[in-house]
Protein backbone atom coordinates (compact mmCIF):
# COMPACT_ATOMS: atom_id res chain seq x y z
CA MET A 1 68.44 83.87 75.22
CA GLY A 2 68.08 82.26 71.80
CA PHE A 3 71.78 81.45 71.29
CA GLU A 4 74.18 80.08 73.88
CA ALA A 5 77.96 80.43 73.83
CA THR A 6 79.01 77.86 71.22
CA TYR A 7 82.52 76.64 70.47
CA ALA A 8 84.71 73.66 69.65
CA ASP A 9 88.34 73.93 70.78
CA PHE A 10 90.55 71.35 69.05
CA SER A 11 93.74 72.35 70.87
CA ALA A 12 92.96 69.70 73.50
CA ASP A 13 92.18 65.99 73.22
CA PRO A 14 89.32 65.44 73.79
CA ALA A 15 88.15 68.71 72.28
CA ARG A 16 86.66 71.32 74.62
CA LEU A 17 83.04 71.82 73.59
CA ALA A 18 80.23 74.19 74.58
CA ASN A 19 76.69 73.76 73.21
CA ALA A 20 78.12 71.39 70.61
CA ASP A 21 79.02 67.84 69.73
CA VAL A 22 81.47 66.90 66.97
CA ARG A 23 81.65 64.15 64.40
CA LEU A 24 84.79 63.52 62.34
CA HIS A 25 85.51 61.91 59.01
CA GLY A 26 89.00 61.79 57.54
CA ALA A 27 90.34 63.86 60.45
CA ARG A 28 92.63 63.11 63.39
CA PHE A 29 93.93 64.94 66.44
CA ALA A 30 97.50 66.19 65.79
CA GLY A 31 98.68 67.66 69.11
CA SER A 32 97.33 71.22 68.90
CA HIS A 33 94.72 70.90 66.13
CA LEU A 34 92.66 68.58 63.97
CA ALA A 35 94.34 67.53 60.74
CA LEU A 36 91.89 67.02 57.85
CA SER A 37 93.07 65.07 54.83
CA ALA A 38 91.59 65.61 51.35
CA GLY A 39 87.80 65.20 51.60
CA GLY A 40 87.89 65.15 55.41
CA THR A 41 84.98 66.73 57.31
CA VAL A 42 84.17 68.07 60.76
CA THR A 43 80.45 68.28 61.58
CA LEU A 44 79.37 70.44 64.51
CA ARG A 45 75.86 70.04 65.93
CA PHE A 46 74.61 72.93 68.10
CA GLU A 47 71.33 74.06 69.68
CA VAL A 48 69.39 77.25 68.95
CA ALA A 49 66.39 77.96 71.21
CA ASP A 50 64.76 80.75 69.21
CA PRO A 51 66.33 81.66 65.83
CA GLU A 52 63.93 84.61 65.42
CA ASP A 53 66.04 86.42 68.05
CA VAL A 54 69.17 85.91 65.90
CA PRO A 55 69.15 87.87 62.62
CA GLN A 56 72.76 86.90 61.89
CA VAL A 57 75.49 84.69 63.34
CA THR A 58 79.22 85.47 63.38
CA LEU A 59 81.12 82.29 62.58
CA THR A 60 84.88 82.20 63.17
CA VAL A 61 86.93 79.25 61.88
CA THR A 62 90.58 79.31 62.97
CA ALA A 63 92.64 77.23 60.55
CA LEU A 64 95.96 76.86 58.74
CA VAL A 65 97.12 74.91 55.68
CA SER A 66 100.17 72.70 56.19
CA LYS A 67 103.25 73.20 54.02
CA ALA A 68 104.41 70.73 51.40
CA GLY A 69 108.17 70.90 51.52
CA GLY A 70 109.06 74.38 50.33
CA SER A 71 105.61 75.12 48.86
CA LEU A 72 102.82 77.02 50.63
CA GLY A 73 100.45 74.08 50.68
CA TYR A 74 96.96 73.78 49.21
CA ALA A 75 93.76 72.68 50.98
CA PRO A 76 90.66 74.75 50.06
CA MET A 77 87.83 74.72 52.59
CA ASP A 78 84.03 74.55 52.22
CA VAL A 79 81.67 75.69 54.99
CA PHE A 80 77.98 74.68 55.19
CA VAL A 81 75.21 75.53 57.67
CA GLN A 82 72.16 73.27 57.48
CA GLY A 83 73.63 72.00 54.22
CA GLU A 84 73.58 75.52 52.71
CA PRO A 85 76.97 76.90 51.54
CA VAL A 86 78.45 79.78 53.51
CA ALA A 87 81.85 79.57 51.79
CA GLU A 88 83.07 77.34 48.98
CA ASN A 89 86.57 76.55 47.80
CA LEU A 90 88.00 79.14 50.23
CA THR A 91 91.79 79.12 50.09
CA VAL A 92 93.06 79.48 53.66
CA PRO A 93 96.50 81.13 53.80
CA GLY A 94 99.26 78.55 54.00
CA GLY A 95 103.01 78.58 54.40
CA GLY A 96 103.03 80.35 57.79
CA ASP A 97 103.14 79.10 61.34
CA LEU A 98 100.22 80.99 62.89
CA PRO A 99 96.59 79.90 62.37
CA GLN A 100 94.30 82.42 60.69
CA ASP A 101 90.85 83.58 61.87
CA ASN A 102 88.36 83.25 59.00
CA VAL A 103 85.18 85.18 59.84
CA PHE A 104 81.83 84.59 58.12
CA ALA A 105 78.35 86.12 58.42
CA VAL A 106 75.71 83.38 58.62
CA PRO A 107 72.18 84.62 57.78
CA GLY A 108 69.72 84.00 60.58
CA HIS A 109 67.18 82.41 58.21
CA LEU A 110 69.49 79.36 57.88
CA LEU A 111 68.92 78.52 61.53
CA LYS A 112 66.05 76.47 62.95
CA PRO A 113 64.78 75.78 66.46
CA GLY A 114 66.60 72.86 68.08
CA VAL A 115 69.62 71.09 66.59
CA ASN A 116 71.54 72.84 63.78
CA THR A 117 74.55 71.57 61.83
CA LEU A 118 77.78 73.22 60.72
CA GLU A 119 80.04 71.29 58.38
CA ILE A 120 83.65 72.19 57.52
CA ARG A 121 85.08 70.21 54.63
CA SER A 122 88.57 70.00 53.17
CA SER A 123 88.49 69.87 49.37
CA ALA A 124 88.87 66.50 47.70
CA GLU A 125 91.50 68.24 45.55
CA ALA A 126 93.63 69.20 48.57
CA ARG A 127 97.32 68.38 48.23
CA THR A 128 98.22 69.10 51.88
CA MET A 129 96.41 69.01 55.23
CA LEU A 130 93.84 71.48 56.53
CA TRP A 131 94.64 72.17 60.17
CA LEU A 132 91.60 73.19 62.21
CA TYR A 133 92.20 74.83 65.59
CA ARG A 134 88.82 76.10 66.81
CA VAL A 135 85.33 77.15 65.79
CA THR A 136 83.10 79.73 67.50
CA LEU A 137 79.56 80.95 66.76
CA ASP A 138 77.96 84.08 68.22
CA PRO A 139 74.92 86.27 67.64
CA VAL A 140 76.08 89.24 65.59
CA TRP A 141 75.60 91.68 68.46
CA GLU A 142 77.70 89.57 70.85
CA ARG A 143 80.70 88.76 68.71
CA GLY A 144 83.55 87.37 70.81
CA ARG A 145 81.37 86.00 73.62
CA SER A 146 82.08 82.36 72.78
CA GLU A 147 85.81 83.02 72.41
CA ARG A 148 85.87 84.62 75.86
CA ALA A 149 84.01 81.62 77.27
CA ARG A 150 86.45 79.27 75.53
CA THR A 151 89.56 81.00 76.89
CA ALA A 152 88.05 81.15 80.39
CA GLU A 153 87.39 77.40 80.32
CA ALA A 154 90.87 76.69 78.94
CA ALA A 155 92.39 78.83 81.71
CA ARG A 156 90.52 76.98 84.46
CA ASP A 157 93.27 74.34 84.60
CA SER A 158 96.08 76.74 85.41
CA VAL A 159 98.58 74.57 87.33
CA PHE A 160 101.05 72.99 84.87
CA ALA A 161 103.80 70.38 85.10
CA TYR A 162 106.33 69.83 82.29
CA ARG A 163 108.98 67.23 81.56
CA THR A 164 112.02 69.30 80.54
CA GLU A 165 115.28 68.92 78.63
CA VAL A 166 118.36 71.06 78.05
CA ARG A 167 121.29 71.13 75.65
CA PRO A 168 124.26 73.50 75.41
CA ALA A 169 123.70 76.70 73.44
CA HIS A 170 125.09 76.73 69.85
CA SER A 171 125.48 72.94 69.92
CA SER A 172 122.72 71.71 67.62
CA SER A 173 124.47 68.35 67.27
CA ALA A 174 124.43 67.76 71.04
CA HIS A 175 121.78 65.48 72.46
CA TRP A 176 119.01 66.83 74.66
CA GLN A 177 119.54 65.85 78.30
CA PRO A 178 116.79 65.39 80.93
CA ALA A 179 116.37 68.31 83.34
CA PRO A 180 114.27 68.76 86.52
CA ARG A 181 110.51 68.96 86.20
CA LEU A 182 108.98 72.45 85.85
CA LEU A 183 105.82 73.21 87.83
CA PHE A 184 104.20 76.64 87.56
CA HIS A 185 100.99 78.55 88.22
CA VAL A 186 100.34 82.22 87.33
CA ASP A 187 96.81 83.53 87.96
CA ARG A 188 95.58 87.12 88.21
CA GLY A 189 91.91 86.13 88.16
CA GLU A 190 91.51 87.19 84.52
CA HIS A 191 91.07 83.71 82.93
CA ALA A 192 94.07 84.05 80.61
CA LEU A 193 96.82 81.49 80.04
CA PRO A 194 100.46 82.59 79.77
CA ALA A 195 102.06 82.92 76.34
CA GLN A 196 105.53 83.69 77.72
CA LEU A 197 107.12 83.30 81.14
CA GLY A 198 110.46 84.33 82.58
CA TRP A 199 112.06 84.17 86.03
CA ARG A 200 115.31 84.81 87.89
CA GLY A 201 116.30 82.70 90.88
CA THR A 202 117.88 83.96 94.08
CA ASP A 203 121.10 82.25 92.93
CA GLY A 204 121.21 84.39 89.74
CA ALA A 205 120.00 81.69 87.30
CA GLU A 206 117.64 83.08 84.62
CA THR A 207 115.04 81.39 82.39
CA ALA A 208 112.73 82.58 79.60
CA ILE A 209 110.21 80.34 77.79
CA SER A 210 107.38 80.62 75.27
CA PHE A 211 104.40 78.24 74.99
CA GLN A 212 102.39 76.64 72.23
CA LEU A 213 98.84 78.07 72.17
CA ASN A 214 97.44 74.87 73.69
CA MET A 215 100.21 74.80 76.36
CA SER A 216 101.37 71.35 75.19
CA ASP A 217 105.03 72.39 74.77
CA PHE A 218 107.42 75.22 75.46
CA HIS A 219 110.77 76.28 74.12
CA GLY A 220 113.19 78.75 75.62
CA CYS A 221 116.62 79.29 77.12
CA ARG A 222 118.20 79.41 80.53
CA ARG A 223 121.43 80.63 82.03
CA ASP A 224 122.63 78.70 85.06
CA ALA A 225 124.01 80.35 88.17
CA ASP A 226 127.55 79.61 86.90
CA GLY A 227 126.84 81.46 83.62
CA VAL A 228 126.45 78.42 81.34
CA VAL A 229 123.69 78.96 78.75
CA HIS A 230 121.34 76.21 77.51
CA GLU A 231 118.45 75.71 75.17
CA TYR A 232 115.47 74.64 77.23
CA ARG A 233 112.28 72.84 76.22
CA GLY A 234 109.44 70.93 77.82
CA ARG A 235 106.31 68.87 77.21
CA VAL A 236 103.28 69.02 79.48
CA THR A 237 102.79 65.99 81.74
CA GLY A 238 100.07 67.27 84.05
CA ARG A 239 97.51 70.03 84.29
CA TRP A 240 95.15 70.81 87.16
CA ALA A 241 92.61 73.33 88.38
CA TYR A 242 93.97 75.23 91.40
CA PRO A 243 94.58 74.17 94.16
CA GLU A 244 95.32 70.71 92.73
CA GLY A 245 98.96 70.23 91.81
CA VAL A 246 100.40 72.81 94.20
CA ASP A 247 100.64 70.15 96.89
CA GLN A 248 103.63 68.79 94.95
CA VAL A 249 105.87 71.59 96.26
CA PRO A 250 106.49 73.09 99.72
CA ALA A 251 103.78 75.52 100.85
CA GLU A 252 106.23 78.43 100.88
CA SER A 253 106.81 78.05 97.13
CA LEU A 254 103.27 79.28 96.40
CA HIS A 255 102.90 83.05 96.74
CA ARG A 256 99.46 84.64 97.16
CA PHE A 257 99.17 88.42 97.16
CA HIS A 258 96.59 91.09 97.80
CA THR A 259 97.38 93.52 94.98
CA GLU A 260 96.98 97.18 94.09
CA GLU A 261 97.35 98.98 90.76
CA GLY A 262 98.75 102.50 90.62
CA TRP A 263 96.96 104.89 88.26
CA GLY A 264 95.23 108.27 88.40
CA GLY A 265 97.53 109.48 91.16
CA GLY A 266 96.54 106.74 93.63
CA TRP A 267 96.54 103.03 94.40
CA HIS A 268 93.47 100.90 93.68
CA ARG A 269 92.64 97.38 94.83
CA SER A 270 92.98 94.69 92.14
CA HIS A 271 92.68 90.90 91.75
CA GLU A 272 94.49 88.44 93.99
CA LEU A 273 97.70 87.26 92.32
CA ARG A 274 98.99 83.69 92.71
CA LEU A 275 102.54 82.82 91.62
CA LEU A 276 104.37 79.51 91.66
CA VAL A 277 107.52 78.53 89.75
CA ASP A 278 109.46 75.43 90.78
CA ASP A 279 112.20 74.36 88.33
CA GLY A 280 114.25 72.28 90.75
CA GLY A 281 116.60 75.17 91.51
CA ALA A 282 116.63 78.26 93.72
CA ALA A 283 113.39 80.08 94.52
CA PRO A 284 112.52 82.90 92.08
CA GLU A 285 113.06 86.52 93.09
CA ARG A 286 111.75 88.08 89.87
CA MET A 287 109.03 86.92 87.45
CA THR A 288 107.76 88.26 84.13
CA TRP A 289 104.90 87.04 81.97
CA ARG A 290 102.73 87.87 78.98
CA ASP A 291 99.35 86.18 78.60
CA GLN A 292 97.55 85.06 75.46
CA ARG A 293 95.48 88.27 75.48
CA GLY A 294 98.61 90.41 75.25
CA ASN A 295 98.62 91.59 78.90
CA SER A 296 101.99 91.53 80.66
CA GLY A 297 103.42 91.92 84.13
CA VAL A 298 106.69 92.08 86.04
CA VAL A 299 107.08 91.47 89.77
CA VAL A 300 110.15 91.65 92.00
CA LEU A 301 109.71 89.77 95.27
CA HIS A 302 111.05 91.26 98.48
CA THR A 303 110.65 90.85 102.22
CA LEU A 304 108.03 92.98 103.99
CA GLU A 305 108.32 94.04 107.59
CA GLU A 306 105.48 94.98 109.93
CA GLU A 307 105.53 98.48 111.37
CA ALA A 308 105.15 98.75 115.14
CA GLU A 309 102.25 100.99 116.18
CA VAL A 310 103.35 104.05 118.19
CA THR A 311 100.63 105.56 120.38
CA ASP A 312 102.59 108.46 121.91
CA VAL A 313 105.86 110.35 121.65
CA GLU A 314 107.42 112.91 124.00
CA ALA A 315 110.41 115.11 123.19
CA SER A 316 112.90 116.91 125.37
CA ASP A 317 112.08 120.00 123.30
CA GLU A 318 109.86 121.01 120.35
CA TYR A 319 108.93 124.21 118.46
CA ALA A 320 105.23 124.31 119.33
CA GLU A 321 104.69 127.89 118.11
CA ALA A 322 105.48 126.81 114.51
CA GLY A 323 103.67 123.48 114.80
CA GLU A 324 106.98 121.61 114.52
CA ILE A 325 106.15 119.16 117.30
CA ALA A 326 107.16 115.58 118.12
CA HIS A 327 103.80 114.10 117.02
CA ASN A 328 104.67 115.07 113.45
CA LEU A 329 107.19 112.22 113.55
CA LEU A 330 104.30 109.74 113.58
CA ASP A 331 102.51 111.16 110.53
CA ASP A 332 103.07 110.19 106.92
CA SER A 333 103.54 113.83 105.94
CA ARG A 334 106.30 116.34 105.41
CA ASP A 335 105.67 118.17 108.66
CA LYS A 336 108.73 117.96 110.90
CA TRP A 337 109.85 118.01 114.51
CA LEU A 338 112.34 120.69 115.54
CA ALA A 339 114.20 120.95 118.87
CA GLY A 340 116.11 124.10 119.87
CA ASP A 341 119.27 122.32 121.04
CA ASP A 342 122.11 120.26 119.54
CA THR A 343 121.12 117.21 121.63
CA ALA A 344 117.66 115.76 122.22
CA LEU A 345 115.60 112.88 123.63
CA LEU A 346 112.58 111.30 121.94
CA ASP A 347 110.54 108.80 123.99
CA PHE A 348 108.10 106.56 122.07
CA THR A 349 105.33 104.42 123.60
CA LEU A 350 104.13 101.43 121.55
CA ALA A 351 100.62 99.99 121.46
CA ARG A 352 102.06 96.66 122.62
CA PRO A 353 105.51 95.22 123.30
CA ALA A 354 107.22 94.75 119.93
CA THR A 355 110.39 93.00 118.83
CA VAL A 356 111.87 95.78 116.73
CA THR A 357 114.46 94.57 114.22
CA SER A 358 115.09 97.90 112.46
CA TYR A 359 114.04 101.53 112.47
CA VAL A 360 113.77 104.32 109.92
CA LEU A 361 114.75 107.98 110.27
CA VAL A 362 113.61 110.51 107.65
CA SER A 363 115.52 113.77 107.22
CA ALA A 364 113.56 117.04 107.27
CA ASN A 365 113.09 119.72 104.64
CA ASP A 366 116.08 122.05 105.15
CA PHE A 367 119.42 122.75 106.86
CA PRO A 368 121.41 119.47 106.70
CA ASP A 369 123.49 120.62 109.68
CA ARG A 370 120.39 120.00 111.84
CA ASP A 371 120.40 116.28 110.92
CA PRO A 372 121.31 113.81 113.69
CA GLN A 373 124.77 112.25 113.30
CA ASP A 374 125.34 110.38 116.59
CA TRP A 375 122.60 108.63 118.56
CA THR A 376 121.64 105.59 120.65
CA LEU A 377 118.33 103.73 120.57
CA HIS A 378 117.24 102.35 123.96
CA GLY A 379 114.46 99.93 124.93
CA SER A 380 112.45 99.66 128.12
CA ASP A 381 109.61 97.61 129.58
CA ASP A 382 108.46 100.22 132.11
CA GLY A 383 109.68 103.53 130.64
CA HIS A 384 112.17 104.00 133.47
CA THR A 385 114.93 101.41 133.09
CA TRP A 386 116.59 101.60 129.67
CA THR A 387 118.74 99.12 127.76
CA PRO A 388 120.88 100.23 124.76
CA LEU A 389 119.72 98.50 121.53
CA ASP A 390 121.69 100.28 118.80
CA SER A 391 124.30 103.06 118.58
CA ARG A 392 125.41 105.04 115.53
CA THR A 393 128.12 107.65 114.98
CA GLY A 394 129.00 109.83 112.01
CA GLU A 395 125.78 109.13 110.08
CA THR A 396 124.72 111.54 107.34
CA PHE A 397 121.70 112.06 105.05
CA ASP A 398 122.44 112.68 101.36
CA ARG A 399 119.23 114.61 100.60
CA ARG A 400 116.11 116.12 102.10
CA TYR A 401 113.30 113.74 103.08
CA GLN A 402 115.67 110.80 102.72
CA ALA A 403 114.49 107.68 104.56
CA ARG A 404 117.33 105.62 106.02
CA GLU A 405 116.79 102.24 107.65
CA PHE A 406 119.04 100.98 110.43
CA THR A 407 119.07 97.31 111.44
CA LEU A 408 119.58 96.27 115.04
CA ARG A 409 122.47 93.92 115.68
CA GLY A 410 122.24 90.79 117.81
CA THR A 411 119.04 89.11 118.95
CA PRO A 412 116.30 91.71 119.51
CA LYS A 413 113.86 91.50 122.42
CA ALA A 414 110.36 92.86 122.85
CA HIS A 415 109.95 96.33 124.41
CA ARG A 416 106.96 98.61 125.07
CA HIS A 417 109.00 101.83 125.19
CA LEU A 418 111.77 103.12 122.90
CA ARG A 419 114.05 106.12 123.38
CA LEU A 420 116.09 107.82 120.67
CA GLU A 421 118.92 109.70 122.37
CA ILE A 422 120.58 112.11 119.89
CA THR A 423 123.98 113.20 121.15
CA ARG A 424 125.35 115.11 118.14
CA ASN A 425 124.10 116.75 114.95
CA GLY A 426 125.74 118.36 111.92
CA GLY A 427 126.83 121.47 113.84
CA ALA A 428 123.65 123.57 114.06
CA HIS A 429 121.98 124.76 117.26
CA GLU A 430 118.82 122.76 116.46
CA ILE A 431 117.92 119.13 115.66
CA GLN A 432 115.15 118.09 113.29
CA LEU A 433 113.55 114.98 111.72
CA ALA A 434 110.51 114.43 109.51
CA GLN A 435 109.58 110.90 110.58
CA VAL A 436 110.60 107.97 112.80
CA ARG A 437 109.29 104.42 112.22
CA PHE A 438 109.99 101.14 113.97
CA LEU A 439 109.83 97.84 112.08
CA GLU A 440 109.26 94.39 113.54
CA ARG A 441 110.30 90.97 112.26
CA PRO A 442 109.56 90.17 108.59
CA VAL A 443 105.92 89.20 107.93
CA GLY A 444 106.43 87.59 104.52
CA GLN A 445 107.18 88.42 100.91
CA GLY A 446 105.52 91.15 98.93
CA PHE A 447 106.27 92.43 95.47
CA THR A 448 106.81 95.61 93.50
CA GLY A 449 106.46 95.78 89.73
CA TYR A 450 104.24 96.94 86.91
CA TYR A 451 101.33 95.66 84.86
CA GLN A 452 100.40 96.49 81.28
CA ARG A 453 97.11 95.62 79.62
CA HIS A 454 97.03 95.02 75.88
CA ASP A 455 97.11 98.31 73.95
CA GLU A 456 97.49 100.36 77.16
CA GLY A 457 100.41 101.96 78.96
CA PRO A 458 102.16 100.44 82.01
CA ILE A 459 100.82 101.10 85.50
CA GLY A 460 102.22 100.52 88.98
CA TYR A 461 101.64 97.13 90.56
CA ARG A 462 102.36 96.02 94.11
CA GLY A 463 101.30 93.26 96.48
CA THR A 464 101.26 92.15 100.10
CA PRO A 465 101.01 88.52 101.24
CA VAL A 466 97.65 86.87 101.82
CA ALA A 467 97.52 85.36 105.31
CA ALA A 468 98.94 81.86 104.91
CA HIS A 469 96.58 78.99 105.67
CA SER A 470 97.72 75.57 104.55
CA LEU A 471 95.16 73.79 102.44
CA THR A 472 95.72 70.71 104.56
CA ASP A 473 94.62 72.69 107.64
CA LEU A 474 91.16 73.39 106.23
CA PRO A 475 89.63 69.99 107.12
CA VAL A 476 91.11 70.33 110.62
CA ALA A 477 89.64 73.81 110.98
CA ALA A 478 86.30 72.62 109.68
CA SER A 479 86.37 69.73 112.16
CA ARG A 480 87.07 72.15 115.00
CA VAL A 481 84.22 74.40 113.92
CA ALA A 482 81.89 71.41 113.74
CA THR A 483 82.95 70.31 117.22
CA ASP A 484 82.42 73.82 118.61
CA LEU A 485 78.98 73.99 117.02
CA GLU A 486 78.08 70.57 118.41
CA THR A 487 79.21 71.62 121.89
CA ALA A 488 77.23 74.85 121.62
CA ALA A 489 74.14 72.96 120.46
CA THR A 490 74.41 70.56 123.40
CA SER A 491 74.76 73.47 125.80
CA LEU A 492 71.72 75.22 124.32
CA ALA A 493 69.69 72.02 124.57
CA GLU A 494 70.62 71.64 128.23
CA THR A 495 69.71 75.28 128.85
CA ALA A 496 66.34 74.76 127.13
CA ARG A 497 65.59 71.73 129.29
CA THR A 498 66.46 73.68 132.44
CA LEU A 499 64.21 76.58 131.43
CA ALA A 500 61.38 74.18 130.62
CA THR A 501 61.71 72.58 134.07
CA LEU A 502 61.64 76.00 135.76
CA ALA A 503 58.59 77.01 133.74
CA ALA A 504 56.77 73.82 134.78
CA GLN A 505 57.59 74.46 138.44
CA LEU A 506 56.26 78.02 138.21
CA ARG A 507 53.00 76.83 136.64
CA THR A 508 52.40 74.39 139.53
CA ARG A 509 52.82 77.03 142.20
């Protein structure tokens, strides 16, 4: 390809560069940009392999003119490629707070094989500063490629630490007071940094913050668990590429999820999501964010339980002629089980002994008076001797196909067999259910929420935990694998020697 991704990102010090080196005159780094005084220049040198493949280049210069008191500011800009003018005395909008993208078409005939030069100059007549944020160059048919490469590189270091301060709301005269460090990491695998972030802790405290484009600072607000509201701000003190930085907090503070997106009537696998927010307080139970591309997401964390696998179920009675049999209770469908009596037994066999902590009953499609009201759940190791685990009386279902979960009291034990003994229903001569499920101990935190891409509608979003493996365990695991391989190699060598000896003995016979 004749033209590589080319950019200079002045939001960081040193500047992030691709296919470029930079020389400055009358310019200095000012936190999130270069500040050019009157007559100041920035010279960018970049390589072009074959300019004949590039009929035109799209040049984007992102800049802003500083204010002068109440005035809009004045710092015209000149742009040259190979010393040839592309723009002269261009007045960049001033007086605002957001940098402007200034886009130019550079004729391909200005380029040459090898090193090329781009010069951006602030007018000698400037009365305020020209603030330069970034420069990108692309072949005309690939406009935006360098900007995508720039944002991906900037997002590589996605673990952030901030020194924070707070002061009481509506008390501008109050001094800022030090607050606990903020450490966070939000990554959906899309190479986009957050623009805004919000979270709610399990203690009820809530925080919302917004970042500078270069992530150097944030400003926001927080409400403590006791209801006191503060202004909240921070300045970055550390930034790392994952997994660096996350070792500063307990392993359980980092959440990793397999995710799915809900659209088109179904659920579809999506990127892994990693979430970490540690503000010195309670763990977050809800997080919201919007990235610098305009995409946004909301997740609510909750505990997930593992469902025990049922391999067989037998009922004291079922309506086989209508297909309303006990095995329907194991399916994720609306088919039901119906027994022609006002009491019934359901015996479930599990794939393995399971420590059931709760169970779910789902009401069937019609006749609420067929719903169970009184029952006892029993457990057994052999299917003959039963121990009561949970008893309920006077239970009701508010609607059809309602799923109700019942938690076992006390300390549960593992059982291979479970029996649901229904002793009373709502008054009908039959009993029915649509589904029965048994849940084991919690297996970790998942989430439910939504995701919304820029200029699109919201879609469903949900996640289940990635199997936890501590990063510190990886060297140990690798060592064990190496040891196992070494042992196997030694064994194979011994086997080879034995076979060689046997072969030699056979040849001498």
